[in-house]
Amino acid sequence: MVSMMSPSVDAPRPARYRRRMVEPRQRWPLAPRELDEPHPSRLREDHPGRAEILARHAEALRDGTPGYLDPSSGLFVLSAGFLAKRGFCCTRGCRHCPYVT
C-alpha cells in the first residue's frame, strides 16, 4: 500500500524554537536586611496595602511557598525566600528582591 501523504509531511520537522542553554550563574550576595523586609524602592512605607502585602509575604515565607497573590491586582508575587534560593537577580523589579541594596 502506498502512502497518500507527501514525503515532506511524513518527515519530522525541525524544531522552530530552540531553548537556549543558560550558562551557570554565580550566586549573588544577599542585601544586608532580613528576607521579610522589602527594599523601600520596591514597597513604600506609605503604600495603602502594605500591611496586607507583608502579611501574605510572611505567610509564604513561613509555609515555604514560592509566593502569594497580590491583594489588589491578583497577580502572583514571588517571595524573597524563593528569589534567594534561586541565587541571582533577574533585574525585572521583583517586589521582594533580596538582592536590591
C-alpha atoms as a PDB file:
ATOM      1  CA  MET A   1       0.000   0.000   0.000  1.00  0.00           C
ATOM      2  CA  VAL A   2       1.305   3.429  -0.955  1.00  0.00           C
ATOM      3  CA  SER A   3       1.105   6.337   1.465  1.00  0.00           C
ATOM      4  CA  MET A   4      -1.189   9.150   0.358  1.00  0.00           C
ATOM      5  CA  MET A   5       0.851  11.703   2.270  1.00  0.00           C
ATOM      6  CA  SER A   6       3.738  13.511   0.708  1.00  0.00           C
ATOM      7  CA  PRO A   7       7.221  12.663   1.951  1.00  0.00           C
ATOM      8  CA  SER A   8       7.648  16.151   3.392  1.00  0.00           C
ATOM      9  CA  VAL A   9       4.648  15.631   5.676  1.00  0.00           C
ATOM     10  CA  ASP A  10       5.893  12.253   6.871  1.00  0.00           C
ATOM     11  CA  ALA A  11       9.369  13.568   7.701  1.00  0.00           C
ATOM     12  CA  PRO A  12       9.885  15.014  11.164  1.00  0.00           C
ATOM     13  CA  ARG A  13      10.034  18.787  11.208  1.00  0.00           C
ATOM     14  CA  PRO A  14      12.918  20.639  12.755  1.00  0.00           C
ATOM     15  CA  ALA A  15      12.028  22.483  15.925  1.00  0.00           C
ATOM     16  CA  ARG A  16      11.027  26.070  15.253  1.00  0.00           C
ATOM     17  CA  TYR A  17      12.134  27.375  18.587  1.00  0.00           C
ATOM     18  CA  ARG A  18      15.030  26.011  20.482  1.00  0.00           C
ATOM     19  CA  ARG A  19      15.666  26.808  24.106  1.00  0.00           C
ATOM     20  CA  ARG A  20      18.985  28.436  24.698  1.00  0.00           C
ATOM     21  CA  MET A  21      21.174  26.753  27.226  1.00  0.00           C
ATOM     22  CA  VAL A  22      21.589  29.066  30.168  1.00  0.00           C
ATOM     23  CA  GLU A  23      25.099  29.489  31.427  1.00  0.00           C
ATOM     24  CA  PRO A  24      25.597  28.566  35.068  1.00  0.00           C
ATOM     25  CA  ARG A  25      25.448  31.712  37.165  1.00  0.00           C
ATOM     26  CA  GLN A  26      27.311  32.542  40.302  1.00  0.00           C
ATOM     27  CA  ARG A  27      25.238  33.125  43.411  1.00  0.00           C
ATOM     28  CA  TRP A  28      24.724  36.799  44.154  1.00  0.00           C
ATOM     29  CA  PRO A  29      25.251  38.147  47.677  1.00  0.00           C
ATOM     30  CA  LEU A  30      22.038  38.942  49.550  1.00  0.00           C
ATOM     31  CA  ALA A  31      21.298  42.504  50.639  1.00  0.00           C
ATOM     32  CA  PRO A  32      22.065  43.247  54.315  1.00  0.00           C
ATOM     33  CA  ARG A  33      18.443  43.022  55.549  1.00  0.00           C
ATOM     34  CA  GLU A  34      16.002  40.321  56.600  1.00  0.00           C
ATOM     35  CA  LEU A  35      14.024  38.485  53.903  1.00  0.00           C
ATOM     36  CA  ASP A  36      10.724  39.745  55.321  1.00  0.00           C
ATOM     37  CA  GLU A  37      11.788  43.388  54.897  1.00  0.00           C
ATOM     38  CA  PRO A  38      11.363  44.650  51.297  1.00  0.00           C
ATOM     39  CA  HIS A  39      13.551  47.421  49.936  1.00  0.00           C
ATOM     40  CA  PRO A  40      11.805  50.843  50.243  1.00  0.00           C
ATOM     41  CA  SER A  41      12.067  51.372  46.481  1.00  0.00           C
ATOM     42  CA  ARG A  42      10.016  48.206  45.874  1.00  0.00           C
ATOM     43  CA  LEU A  43       7.339  48.682  48.569  1.00  0.00           C
ATOM     44  CA  ARG A  44       6.926  52.174  50.028  1.00  0.00           C
ATOM     45  CA  GLU A  45       6.262  52.711  53.726  1.00  0.00           C
ATOM     46  CA  ASP A  46       3.062  54.624  52.877  1.00  0.00           C
ATOM     47  CA  HIS A  47       1.686  52.036  50.424  1.00  0.00           C
ATOM     48  CA  PRO A  48      -2.035  51.600  51.230  1.00  0.00           C
ATOM     49  CA  GLY A  49      -1.893  47.782  51.130  1.00  0.00           C
ATOM     50  CA  ARG A  50       1.479  47.384  52.824  1.00  0.00           C
ATOM     51  CA  ALA A  51       0.202  45.576  55.929  1.00  0.00           C
ATOM     52  CA  GLU A  52      -1.779  43.014  53.895  1.00  0.00           C
ATOM     53  CA  ILE A  53       1.114  42.527  51.453  1.00  0.00           C
ATOM     54  CA  LEU A  54       3.608  41.932  54.267  1.00  0.00           C
ATOM     55  CA  ALA A  55       1.201  39.543  55.995  1.00  0.00           C
ATOM     56  CA  ARG A  56       0.791  37.464  52.824  1.00  0.00           C
ATOM     57  CA  HIS A  57       4.527  37.546  52.200  1.00  0.00           C
ATOM     58  CA  ALA A  58       5.244  36.401  55.767  1.00  0.00           C
ATOM     59  CA  GLU A  59       2.785  33.535  55.288  1.00  0.00           C
ATOM     60  CA  ALA A  60       4.542  32.489  52.071  1.00  0.00           C
ATOM     61  CA  LEU A  61       7.928  32.588  53.811  1.00  0.00           C
ATOM     62  CA  ARG A  62       6.585  30.583  56.764  1.00  0.00           C
ATOM     63  CA  ASP A  63       4.947  27.951  54.548  1.00  0.00           C
ATOM     64  CA  GLY A  64       7.866  27.752  52.111  1.00  0.00           C
ATOM     65  CA  THR A  65       5.645  28.513  49.116  1.00  0.00           C
ATOM     66  CA  PRO A  66       7.104  30.336  46.094  1.00  0.00           C
ATOM     67  CA  GLY A  67       4.878  33.382  46.571  1.00  0.00           C
ATOM     68  CA  TYR A  68       1.391  34.782  47.129  1.00  0.00           C
ATOM     69  CA  LEU A  69      -1.437  36.515  45.294  1.00  0.00           C
ATOM     70  CA  ASP A  70      -1.264  40.301  45.450  1.00  0.00           C
ATOM     71  CA  PRO A  71      -4.361  41.567  47.299  1.00  0.00           C
ATOM     72  CA  SER A  72      -5.034  44.463  44.926  1.00  0.00           C
ATOM     73  CA  SER A  73      -4.086  43.129  41.476  1.00  0.00           C
ATOM     74  CA  GLY A  74      -4.486  39.381  41.931  1.00  0.00           C
ATOM     75  CA  LEU A  75      -1.078  38.792  40.315  1.00  0.00           C
ATOM     76  CA  PHE A  76       1.292  36.174  41.698  1.00  0.00           C
ATOM     77  CA  VAL A  77       4.244  37.756  43.542  1.00  0.00           C
ATOM     78  CA  LEU A  78       7.392  35.752  44.236  1.00  0.00           C
ATOM     79  CA  SER A  79       8.602  35.648  47.825  1.00  0.00           C
ATOM     80  CA  ALA A  80      12.070  36.724  48.929  1.00  0.00           C
ATOM     81  CA  GLY A  81      12.729  33.153  50.079  1.00  0.00           C
ATOM     82  CA  PHE A  82      12.093  31.775  46.605  1.00  0.00           C
ATOM     83  CA  LEU A  83      14.182  34.504  44.964  1.00  0.00           C
ATOM     84  CA  ALA A  84      17.055  33.987  47.425  1.00  0.00           C
ATOM     85  CA  LYS A  85      17.011  30.247  46.767  1.00  0.00           C
ATOM     86  CA  ARG A  86      17.238  30.959  43.018  1.00  0.00           C
ATOM     87  CA  GLY A  87      20.561  32.665  43.657  1.00  0.00           C
ATOM     88  CA  PHE A  88      20.575  35.698  41.361  1.00  0.00           C
ATOM     89  CA  CYS A  89      18.630  38.844  40.467  1.00  0.00           C
ATOM     90  CA  CYS A  90      16.651  38.755  37.218  1.00  0.00           C
ATOM     91  CA  THR A  91      16.541  42.606  37.070  1.00  0.00           C
ATOM     92  CA  ARG A  92      12.765  42.638  36.495  1.00  0.00           C
ATOM     93  CA  GLY A  93      11.924  44.686  39.580  1.00  0.00           C
ATOM     94  CA  CYS A  94      10.531  41.989  41.859  1.00  0.00           C
ATOM     95  CA  ARG A  95       8.786  43.440  44.910  1.00  0.00           C
ATOM     96  CA  HIS A  96      10.642  41.251  47.408  1.00  0.00           C
ATOM     97  CA  CYS A  97      14.013  41.008  45.621  1.00  0.00           C
ATOM     98  CA  PRO A  98      16.569  40.045  48.285  1.00  0.00           C
ATOM     99  CA  TYR A  99      19.486  41.400  46.209  1.00  0.00           C
ATOM    100  CA  VAL A 100      18.486  45.085  45.904  1.00  0.00           C
ATOM    101  CA  THR A 101      20.641  47.294  48.108  1.00  0.00           C
END
